[in-house]
Amino acid sequence: MRFLLIDRILELESGKRARAIKNVSMTEDFLTHHFPDTPIMPGALMAEAAVQLAGWIVREATGFQRSGLAVEMDRAKFHQMVRPGDQLEIAVEVEEMNADTARFTAQITCRGKRTASGHFVLALVPTTDLEAIDDARRHFQILRTPLAGGAKT
């Protein structure tokens, strides 16, 4: 299984936009070394979380036949540090999608404040180049499953 940075997909409008959350926990491997005395989530992993969410938009819109690989990042900005215990809300929106590429904008917030933003492009490749389609569908269903009892994450 791959390194997933999305904990739950809250909304997904097919082929257009999605919103998800990422709970940052001290148990995350990357926090052990970044930085031992002041753990913060690396900006590159915030960008990767947005790319992963965009990838779910691509998969869902193409019936899981296509997936996305990041090929270009533009105007990435990081506005505040993210620490263990924070919950990120990640929102991505499709600017343009064709058979070969998809261009997205991303906004990441924490406690209502902008944490990161940027634009990126995904190259669209056959899902089977990356994983089994059934596995992708199963992961998607897990990420889309509402929490029991209506609890908020």
N, C-alpha and C. Protein backbone atom coordinates (compact mmCIF):
# COMPACT_ATOMS: atom_id res chain seq x y z
N MET A 1 0.84 -1.18 0.00
CA MET A 1 0.00 0.00 0.00
C MET A 1 0.88 1.24 0.00
N ARG A 2 0.40 2.28 -0.60
CA ARG A 2 1.17 3.50 -0.69
C ARG A 2 1.01 4.36 0.55
N PHE A 3 1.78 5.41 0.62
CA PHE A 3 1.81 6.34 1.73
C PHE A 3 0.64 7.31 1.58
N LEU A 4 -0.43 7.11 2.34
CA LEU A 4 -1.63 7.95 2.22
C LEU A 4 -1.58 9.12 3.18
N LEU A 5 -1.84 10.31 2.67
CA LEU A 5 -1.85 11.52 3.50
C LEU A 5 -3.25 12.12 3.65
N ILE A 6 -4.24 11.43 3.16
CA ILE A 6 -5.63 11.87 3.30
C ILE A 6 -6.30 10.91 4.26
N ASP A 7 -6.96 11.47 5.28
CA ASP A 7 -7.66 10.61 6.24
C ASP A 7 -9.12 10.40 5.88
N ARG A 8 -9.75 11.41 5.29
CA ARG A 8 -11.16 11.29 4.94
C ARG A 8 -11.48 12.28 3.84
N ILE A 9 -12.20 11.83 2.82
CA ILE A 9 -12.71 12.72 1.78
C ILE A 9 -14.11 13.15 2.23
N LEU A 10 -14.27 14.44 2.47
CA LEU A 10 -15.53 14.97 2.97
C LEU A 10 -16.52 15.26 1.85
N GLU A 11 -16.01 15.77 0.74
CA GLU A 11 -16.85 16.12 -0.41
C GLU A 11 -16.08 15.83 -1.68
N LEU A 12 -16.81 15.40 -2.70
CA LEU A 12 -16.21 15.24 -4.02
C LEU A 12 -17.28 15.50 -5.06
N GLU A 13 -17.06 16.51 -5.87
CA GLU A 13 -17.94 16.81 -6.99
C GLU A 13 -17.22 16.30 -8.23
N SER A 14 -17.80 15.29 -8.85
CA SER A 14 -17.14 14.55 -9.92
C SER A 14 -16.51 15.45 -10.99
N GLY A 15 -15.19 15.27 -11.15
CA GLY A 15 -14.45 16.00 -12.18
C GLY A 15 -14.24 17.48 -11.91
N LYS A 16 -14.65 17.96 -10.71
CA LYS A 16 -14.59 19.41 -10.46
C LYS A 16 -13.79 19.79 -9.22
N ARG A 17 -14.13 19.22 -8.08
CA ARG A 17 -13.47 19.65 -6.84
C ARG A 17 -13.64 18.59 -5.76
N ALA A 18 -12.83 18.73 -4.70
CA ALA A 18 -12.95 17.84 -3.55
C ALA A 18 -12.41 18.54 -2.32
N ARG A 19 -12.87 18.05 -1.17
CA ARG A 19 -12.42 18.56 0.11
C ARG A 19 -12.16 17.36 1.02
N ALA A 20 -11.04 17.41 1.75
CA ALA A 20 -10.66 16.29 2.61
C ALA A 20 -9.98 16.80 3.86
N ILE A 21 -9.75 15.88 4.80
CA ILE A 21 -9.01 16.24 6.01
C ILE A 21 -7.80 15.34 6.19
N LYS A 22 -6.83 15.89 6.88
CA LYS A 22 -5.62 15.18 7.29
C LYS A 22 -5.40 15.52 8.76
N ASN A 23 -5.43 14.51 9.62
CA ASN A 23 -5.13 14.70 11.03
C ASN A 23 -3.64 14.46 11.22
N VAL A 24 -2.96 15.44 11.78
CA VAL A 24 -1.52 15.34 11.99
C VAL A 24 -1.28 14.82 13.40
N SER A 25 -0.63 13.67 13.49
CA SER A 25 -0.40 13.00 14.76
C SER A 25 1.09 12.82 15.01
N MET A 26 1.48 12.86 16.27
CA MET A 26 2.89 12.66 16.61
C MET A 26 3.37 11.27 16.22
N THR A 27 2.45 10.36 15.94
CA THR A 27 2.86 9.02 15.51
C THR A 27 3.32 8.96 14.06
N GLU A 28 3.18 10.07 13.32
CA GLU A 28 3.63 10.10 11.92
C GLU A 28 5.15 9.98 11.88
N ASP A 29 5.65 9.07 11.06
CA ASP A 29 7.10 8.85 10.96
C ASP A 29 7.87 10.12 10.63
N PHE A 30 7.33 10.95 9.74
CA PHE A 30 8.07 12.13 9.29
C PHE A 30 8.30 13.15 10.40
N LEU A 31 7.48 13.13 11.45
CA LEU A 31 7.65 14.10 12.53
C LEU A 31 8.81 13.76 13.46
N THR A 32 9.25 12.51 13.45
CA THR A 32 10.35 12.09 14.31
C THR A 32 11.62 12.87 14.01
N HIS A 33 11.84 13.16 12.74
CA HIS A 33 13.08 13.81 12.33
C HIS A 33 12.88 15.24 11.83
N HIS A 34 11.65 15.73 11.79
CA HIS A 34 11.37 17.06 11.20
C HIS A 34 10.54 17.89 12.17
N PHE A 35 10.98 18.37 13.14
CA PHE A 35 12.31 18.39 13.76
C PHE A 35 12.14 17.80 15.15
N PRO A 36 13.14 17.07 15.68
CA PRO A 36 12.94 16.34 16.94
C PRO A 36 12.43 17.20 18.10
N ASP A 37 12.92 18.42 18.26
CA ASP A 37 12.48 19.25 19.38
C ASP A 37 11.26 20.11 19.07
N THR A 38 10.99 20.32 17.80
CA THR A 38 9.85 21.13 17.36
C THR A 38 9.25 20.48 16.12
N PRO A 39 8.48 19.40 16.31
CA PRO A 39 7.96 18.69 15.14
C PRO A 39 6.97 19.52 14.33
N ILE A 40 7.22 19.61 13.01
CA ILE A 40 6.30 20.29 12.10
C ILE A 40 6.15 19.44 10.83
N MET A 41 5.00 19.53 10.21
CA MET A 41 4.76 18.79 8.97
C MET A 41 5.50 19.49 7.83
N PRO A 42 6.31 18.75 7.08
CA PRO A 42 7.03 19.36 5.96
C PRO A 42 6.06 19.90 4.89
N GLY A 43 6.40 21.04 4.33
CA GLY A 43 5.58 21.63 3.27
C GLY A 43 5.41 20.70 2.08
N ALA A 44 6.44 19.94 1.77
CA ALA A 44 6.35 19.00 0.64
C ALA A 44 5.25 17.97 0.87
N LEU A 45 5.03 17.57 2.14
CA LEU A 45 3.98 16.60 2.41
C LEU A 45 2.59 17.24 2.39
N MET A 46 2.51 18.52 2.72
CA MET A 46 1.22 19.22 2.54
C MET A 46 0.88 19.27 1.06
N ALA A 47 1.87 19.58 0.23
CA ALA A 47 1.65 19.60 -1.22
C ALA A 47 1.26 18.21 -1.71
N GLU A 48 1.92 17.17 -1.21
CA GLU A 48 1.60 15.79 -1.60
C GLU A 48 0.17 15.42 -1.20
N ALA A 49 -0.30 15.89 -0.05
CA ALA A 49 -1.68 15.62 0.36
C ALA A 49 -2.66 16.21 -0.66
N ALA A 50 -2.39 17.43 -1.13
CA ALA A 50 -3.25 18.04 -2.15
C ALA A 50 -3.20 17.25 -3.45
N VAL A 51 -2.01 16.81 -3.84
CA VAL A 51 -1.86 16.00 -5.06
C VAL A 51 -2.63 14.70 -4.92
N GLN A 52 -2.55 14.06 -3.75
CA GLN A 52 -3.29 12.80 -3.56
C GLN A 52 -4.79 13.03 -3.67
N LEU A 53 -5.29 14.11 -3.09
CA LEU A 53 -6.72 14.39 -3.19
C LEU A 53 -7.12 14.63 -4.65
N ALA A 54 -6.30 15.38 -5.39
CA ALA A 54 -6.57 15.59 -6.81
C ALA A 54 -6.58 14.26 -7.57
N GLY A 55 -5.70 13.35 -7.18
CA GLY A 55 -5.67 12.03 -7.80
C GLY A 55 -6.98 11.28 -7.64
N TRP A 56 -7.63 11.47 -6.49
CA TRP A 56 -8.93 10.81 -6.28
C TRP A 56 -10.00 11.42 -7.18
N ILE A 57 -9.90 12.73 -7.44
CA ILE A 57 -10.83 13.36 -8.37
C ILE A 57 -10.67 12.72 -9.75
N VAL A 58 -9.42 12.57 -10.19
CA VAL A 58 -9.14 11.98 -11.51
C VAL A 58 -9.66 10.55 -11.56
N ARG A 59 -9.34 9.74 -10.56
CA ARG A 59 -9.78 8.33 -10.58
C ARG A 59 -11.30 8.24 -10.67
N GLU A 60 -11.98 8.98 -9.78
CA GLU A 60 -13.44 8.90 -9.74
C GLU A 60 -14.05 9.37 -11.06
N ALA A 61 -13.54 10.46 -11.62
CA ALA A 61 -14.09 11.03 -12.86
C ALA A 61 -13.88 10.13 -14.07
N THR A 62 -12.86 9.28 -14.01
CA THR A 62 -12.55 8.40 -15.15
C THR A 62 -12.96 6.95 -14.90
N GLY A 63 -13.81 6.73 -13.92
CA GLY A 63 -14.21 5.36 -13.62
C GLY A 63 -13.03 4.51 -13.15
N PHE A 64 -12.06 5.15 -12.52
CA PHE A 64 -10.85 4.52 -11.99
C PHE A 64 -9.93 3.97 -13.07
N GLN A 65 -10.13 4.42 -14.30
CA GLN A 65 -9.26 4.00 -15.39
C GLN A 65 -7.96 4.79 -15.46
N ARG A 66 -7.99 6.04 -14.94
CA ARG A 66 -6.82 6.92 -14.98
C ARG A 66 -6.48 7.38 -13.57
N SER A 67 -5.20 7.63 -13.35
CA SER A 67 -4.69 8.20 -12.10
C SER A 67 -3.75 9.34 -12.47
N GLY A 68 -3.39 10.13 -11.47
CA GLY A 68 -2.53 11.28 -11.74
C GLY A 68 -1.19 11.19 -11.06
N LEU A 69 -0.16 11.65 -11.77
CA LEU A 69 1.19 11.78 -11.23
C LEU A 69 1.60 13.25 -11.34
N ALA A 70 2.08 13.81 -10.24
CA ALA A 70 2.48 15.23 -10.24
C ALA A 70 3.66 15.44 -11.18
N VAL A 71 3.52 16.40 -12.07
CA VAL A 71 4.61 16.73 -13.00
C VAL A 71 5.00 18.20 -12.94
N GLU A 72 4.18 19.02 -12.27
CA GLU A 72 4.50 20.44 -12.20
C GLU A 72 3.85 21.05 -10.96
N MET A 73 4.63 21.85 -10.23
CA MET A 73 4.11 22.62 -9.09
C MET A 73 4.40 24.08 -9.40
N ASP A 74 3.45 24.94 -9.08
CA ASP A 74 3.62 26.36 -9.38
C ASP A 74 3.02 27.19 -8.24
N ARG A 75 3.70 28.24 -7.89
CA ARG A 75 3.21 29.19 -6.89
C ARG A 75 2.83 28.53 -5.57
N ALA A 76 3.61 27.52 -5.15
CA ALA A 76 3.37 26.89 -3.85
C ALA A 76 3.80 27.86 -2.75
N LYS A 77 2.90 28.09 -1.81
CA LYS A 77 3.19 28.98 -0.69
C LYS A 77 2.78 28.29 0.60
N PHE A 78 3.62 28.46 1.62
CA PHE A 78 3.35 27.89 2.92
C PHE A 78 3.25 29.04 3.91
N HIS A 79 2.11 29.16 4.56
CA HIS A 79 1.78 30.35 5.34
C HIS A 79 1.96 30.18 6.84
N GLN A 80 1.87 28.94 7.33
CA GLN A 80 2.07 28.72 8.76
C GLN A 80 2.49 27.29 9.01
N MET A 81 3.09 27.07 10.18
CA MET A 81 3.55 25.72 10.53
C MET A 81 2.39 24.84 10.96
N VAL A 82 2.52 23.56 10.67
CA VAL A 82 1.52 22.57 11.06
C VAL A 82 2.20 21.62 12.04
N ARG A 83 1.54 21.44 13.19
CA ARG A 83 2.13 20.66 14.28
C ARG A 83 1.25 19.47 14.64
N PRO A 84 1.80 18.52 15.40
CA PRO A 84 0.97 17.39 15.86
C PRO A 84 -0.27 17.91 16.59
N GLY A 85 -1.39 17.29 16.32
CA GLY A 85 -2.66 17.71 16.91
C GLY A 85 -3.47 18.60 15.99
N ASP A 86 -2.85 19.14 14.95
CA ASP A 86 -3.57 19.97 13.98
C ASP A 86 -4.37 19.10 13.02
N GLN A 87 -5.45 19.65 12.53
CA GLN A 87 -6.23 19.00 11.48
C GLN A 87 -6.24 19.93 10.26
N LEU A 88 -5.77 19.41 9.15
CA LEU A 88 -5.75 20.17 7.91
C LEU A 88 -7.02 19.91 7.13
N GLU A 89 -7.55 20.97 6.53
CA GLU A 89 -8.63 20.82 5.56
C GLU A 89 -8.03 21.15 4.21
N ILE A 90 -8.10 20.21 3.30
CA ILE A 90 -7.49 20.34 1.98
C ILE A 90 -8.61 20.47 0.95
N ALA A 91 -8.53 21.51 0.13
CA ALA A 91 -9.51 21.71 -0.94
C ALA A 91 -8.77 21.85 -2.25
N VAL A 92 -9.16 21.05 -3.23
CA VAL A 92 -8.56 21.16 -4.56
C VAL A 92 -9.69 21.34 -5.58
N GLU A 93 -9.37 22.09 -6.61
CA GLU A 93 -10.34 22.38 -7.66
C GLU A 93 -9.69 22.20 -9.02
N VAL A 94 -10.42 21.56 -9.92
CA VAL A 94 -9.94 21.35 -11.28
C VAL A 94 -10.02 22.67 -12.04
N GLU A 95 -8.91 23.08 -12.62
CA GLU A 95 -8.92 24.25 -13.52
C GLU A 95 -9.17 23.79 -14.94
N GLU A 96 -8.56 22.65 -15.29
CA GLU A 96 -8.67 22.12 -16.65
C GLU A 96 -8.28 20.64 -16.61
N MET A 97 -9.03 19.81 -17.33
CA MET A 97 -8.68 18.39 -17.43
C MET A 97 -8.94 17.91 -18.84
N ASN A 98 -7.94 17.21 -19.40
CA ASN A 98 -8.12 16.58 -20.71
C ASN A 98 -7.63 15.13 -20.59
N ALA A 99 -7.46 14.46 -21.70
CA ALA A 99 -7.08 13.04 -21.67
C ALA A 99 -5.68 12.80 -21.12
N ASP A 100 -4.80 13.80 -21.21
CA ASP A 100 -3.40 13.61 -20.82
C ASP A 100 -2.98 14.29 -19.53
N THR A 101 -3.61 15.42 -19.19
CA THR A 101 -3.20 16.18 -18.01
C THR A 101 -4.41 16.79 -17.31
N ALA A 102 -4.18 17.17 -16.06
CA ALA A 102 -5.19 17.91 -15.29
C ALA A 102 -4.46 18.98 -14.48
N ARG A 103 -5.00 20.20 -14.49
CA ARG A 103 -4.42 21.33 -13.76
C ARG A 103 -5.35 21.65 -12.59
N PHE A 104 -4.76 21.85 -11.40
CA PHE A 104 -5.52 22.07 -10.18
C PHE A 104 -5.03 23.29 -9.40
N THR A 105 -5.92 23.85 -8.58
CA THR A 105 -5.54 24.81 -7.55
C THR A 105 -5.81 24.13 -6.21
N ALA A 106 -5.03 24.49 -5.21
CA ALA A 106 -5.19 23.90 -3.88
C ALA A 106 -5.14 24.97 -2.80
N GLN A 107 -5.94 24.77 -1.80
CA GLN A 107 -5.93 25.61 -0.59
C GLN A 107 -5.95 24.66 0.60
N ILE A 108 -5.06 24.87 1.53
CA ILE A 108 -5.03 24.07 2.75
C ILE A 108 -5.19 25.02 3.93
N THR A 109 -6.12 24.68 4.82
CA THR A 109 -6.35 25.51 5.99
C THR A 109 -6.23 24.67 7.26
N CYS A 110 -5.98 25.35 8.37
CA CYS A 110 -5.93 24.74 9.68
C CYS A 110 -6.58 25.71 10.65
N ARG A 111 -7.62 25.28 11.33
CA ARG A 111 -8.37 26.15 12.24
C ARG A 111 -8.86 27.42 11.55
N GLY A 112 -9.26 27.28 10.31
CA GLY A 112 -9.80 28.40 9.56
C GLY A 112 -8.77 29.35 8.96
N LYS A 113 -7.50 29.10 9.19
CA LYS A 113 -6.44 29.97 8.65
C LYS A 113 -5.73 29.28 7.51
N ARG A 114 -5.42 30.05 6.47
CA ARG A 114 -4.71 29.49 5.32
C ARG A 114 -3.32 29.02 5.76
N THR A 115 -3.02 27.77 5.42
CA THR A 115 -1.76 27.14 5.79
C THR A 115 -0.86 26.98 4.58
N ALA A 116 -1.45 26.63 3.43
CA ALA A 116 -0.68 26.43 2.20
C ALA A 116 -1.61 26.64 1.01
N SER A 117 -1.00 26.98 -0.13
CA SER A 117 -1.77 27.15 -1.36
C SER A 117 -0.84 26.96 -2.54
N GLY A 118 -1.43 26.70 -3.69
CA GLY A 118 -0.62 26.55 -4.89
C GLY A 118 -1.40 25.98 -6.05
N HIS A 119 -0.68 25.78 -7.13
CA HIS A 119 -1.21 25.21 -8.37
C HIS A 119 -0.32 24.05 -8.77
N PHE A 120 -0.90 23.05 -9.40
CA PHE A 120 -0.08 21.93 -9.86
C PHE A 120 -0.76 21.23 -11.04
N VAL A 121 0.05 20.44 -11.75
CA VAL A 121 -0.43 19.68 -12.90
C VAL A 121 -0.14 18.21 -12.66
N LEU A 122 -1.12 17.38 -12.99
CA LEU A 122 -0.95 15.94 -12.95
C LEU A 122 -0.93 15.39 -14.37
N ALA A 123 -0.01 14.48 -14.64
CA ALA A 123 -0.05 13.70 -15.88
C ALA A 123 -1.01 12.54 -15.61
N LEU A 124 -1.92 12.29 -16.53
CA LEU A 124 -2.88 11.20 -16.34
C LEU A 124 -2.35 9.94 -16.99
N VAL A 125 -2.29 8.89 -16.18
CA VAL A 125 -1.74 7.61 -16.61
C VAL A 125 -2.75 6.51 -16.30
N PRO A 126 -2.64 5.37 -16.97
CA PRO A 126 -3.54 4.26 -16.62
C PRO A 126 -3.36 3.87 -15.15
N THR A 127 -4.47 3.72 -14.45
CA THR A 127 -4.41 3.33 -13.05
C THR A 127 -3.62 2.05 -12.87
N THR A 128 -3.74 1.14 -13.81
CA THR A 128 -3.05 -0.15 -13.69
C THR A 128 -1.53 -0.01 -13.72
N ASP A 129 -1.02 1.15 -14.16
CA ASP A 129 0.43 1.39 -14.08
C ASP A 129 0.87 1.60 -12.64
N LEU A 130 -0.07 1.95 -11.76
CA LEU A 130 0.26 2.29 -10.38
C LEU A 130 -0.27 1.29 -9.36
N GLU A 131 -1.45 0.77 -9.62
CA GLU A 131 -2.09 -0.15 -8.68
C GLU A 131 -3.25 -0.84 -9.38
N ALA A 132 -3.75 -1.88 -8.74
CA ALA A 132 -4.92 -2.58 -9.27
C ALA A 132 -6.15 -1.69 -9.13
N ILE A 133 -6.99 -1.68 -10.14
CA ILE A 133 -8.19 -0.84 -10.11
C ILE A 133 -9.07 -1.21 -8.92
N ASP A 134 -9.21 -2.48 -8.61
CA ASP A 134 -10.02 -2.89 -7.46
C ASP A 134 -9.47 -2.34 -6.15
N ASP A 135 -8.13 -2.29 -6.03
CA ASP A 135 -7.53 -1.70 -4.83
C ASP A 135 -7.84 -0.21 -4.73
N ALA A 136 -7.75 0.50 -5.86
CA ALA A 136 -8.06 1.92 -5.87
C ALA A 136 -9.51 2.16 -5.47
N ARG A 137 -10.42 1.37 -6.00
CA ARG A 137 -11.84 1.50 -5.65
C ARG A 137 -12.07 1.25 -4.16
N ARG A 138 -11.39 0.23 -3.62
CA ARG A 138 -11.53 -0.11 -2.20
C ARG A 138 -11.01 1.02 -1.32
N HIS A 139 -9.84 1.57 -1.65
CA HIS A 139 -9.29 2.69 -0.88
C HIS A 139 -10.23 3.89 -0.93
N PHE A 140 -10.78 4.17 -2.10
CA PHE A 140 -11.70 5.29 -2.27
C PHE A 140 -12.93 5.11 -1.38
N GLN A 141 -13.49 3.92 -1.35
CA GLN A 141 -14.67 3.67 -0.51
C GLN A 141 -14.36 3.86 0.96
N ILE A 142 -13.18 3.45 1.38
CA ILE A 142 -12.77 3.65 2.78
C ILE A 142 -12.67 5.14 3.10
N LEU A 143 -12.05 5.90 2.20
CA LEU A 143 -11.88 7.33 2.42
C LEU A 143 -13.20 8.10 2.39
N ARG A 144 -14.19 7.56 1.70
CA ARG A 144 -15.50 8.21 1.56
C ARG A 144 -16.50 7.78 2.62
N THR A 145 -16.18 6.76 3.41
CA THR A 145 -17.12 6.24 4.40
C THR A 145 -17.30 7.24 5.54
N PRO A 146 -18.54 7.64 5.82
CA PRO A 146 -18.77 8.56 6.94
C PRO A 146 -18.39 7.90 8.26
N LEU A 147 -18.03 8.73 9.21
CA LEU A 147 -17.68 8.21 10.53
C LEU A 147 -18.94 7.73 11.25
N ALA A 148 -18.80 6.69 12.06
CA ALA A 148 -19.92 6.13 12.81
C ALA A 148 -20.49 7.17 13.75
N GLY A 149 -21.80 7.20 13.88
CA GLY A 149 -22.47 8.09 14.82
C GLY A 149 -22.40 9.56 14.45
N GLY A 150 -21.99 9.86 13.23
CA GLY A 150 -21.93 11.25 12.80
C GLY A 150 -20.83 12.05 13.47
N ALA A 151 -19.88 11.36 14.10
CA ALA A 151 -18.79 12.06 14.79
C ALA A 151 -17.95 12.82 13.79
N LYS A 152 -17.41 13.94 14.22
CA LYS A 152 -16.53 14.74 13.38
C LYS A 152 -15.09 14.33 13.62
N THR A 153 -14.28 14.37 12.55
CA THR A 153 -12.88 14.07 12.72
C THR A 153 -12.10 15.33 12.95
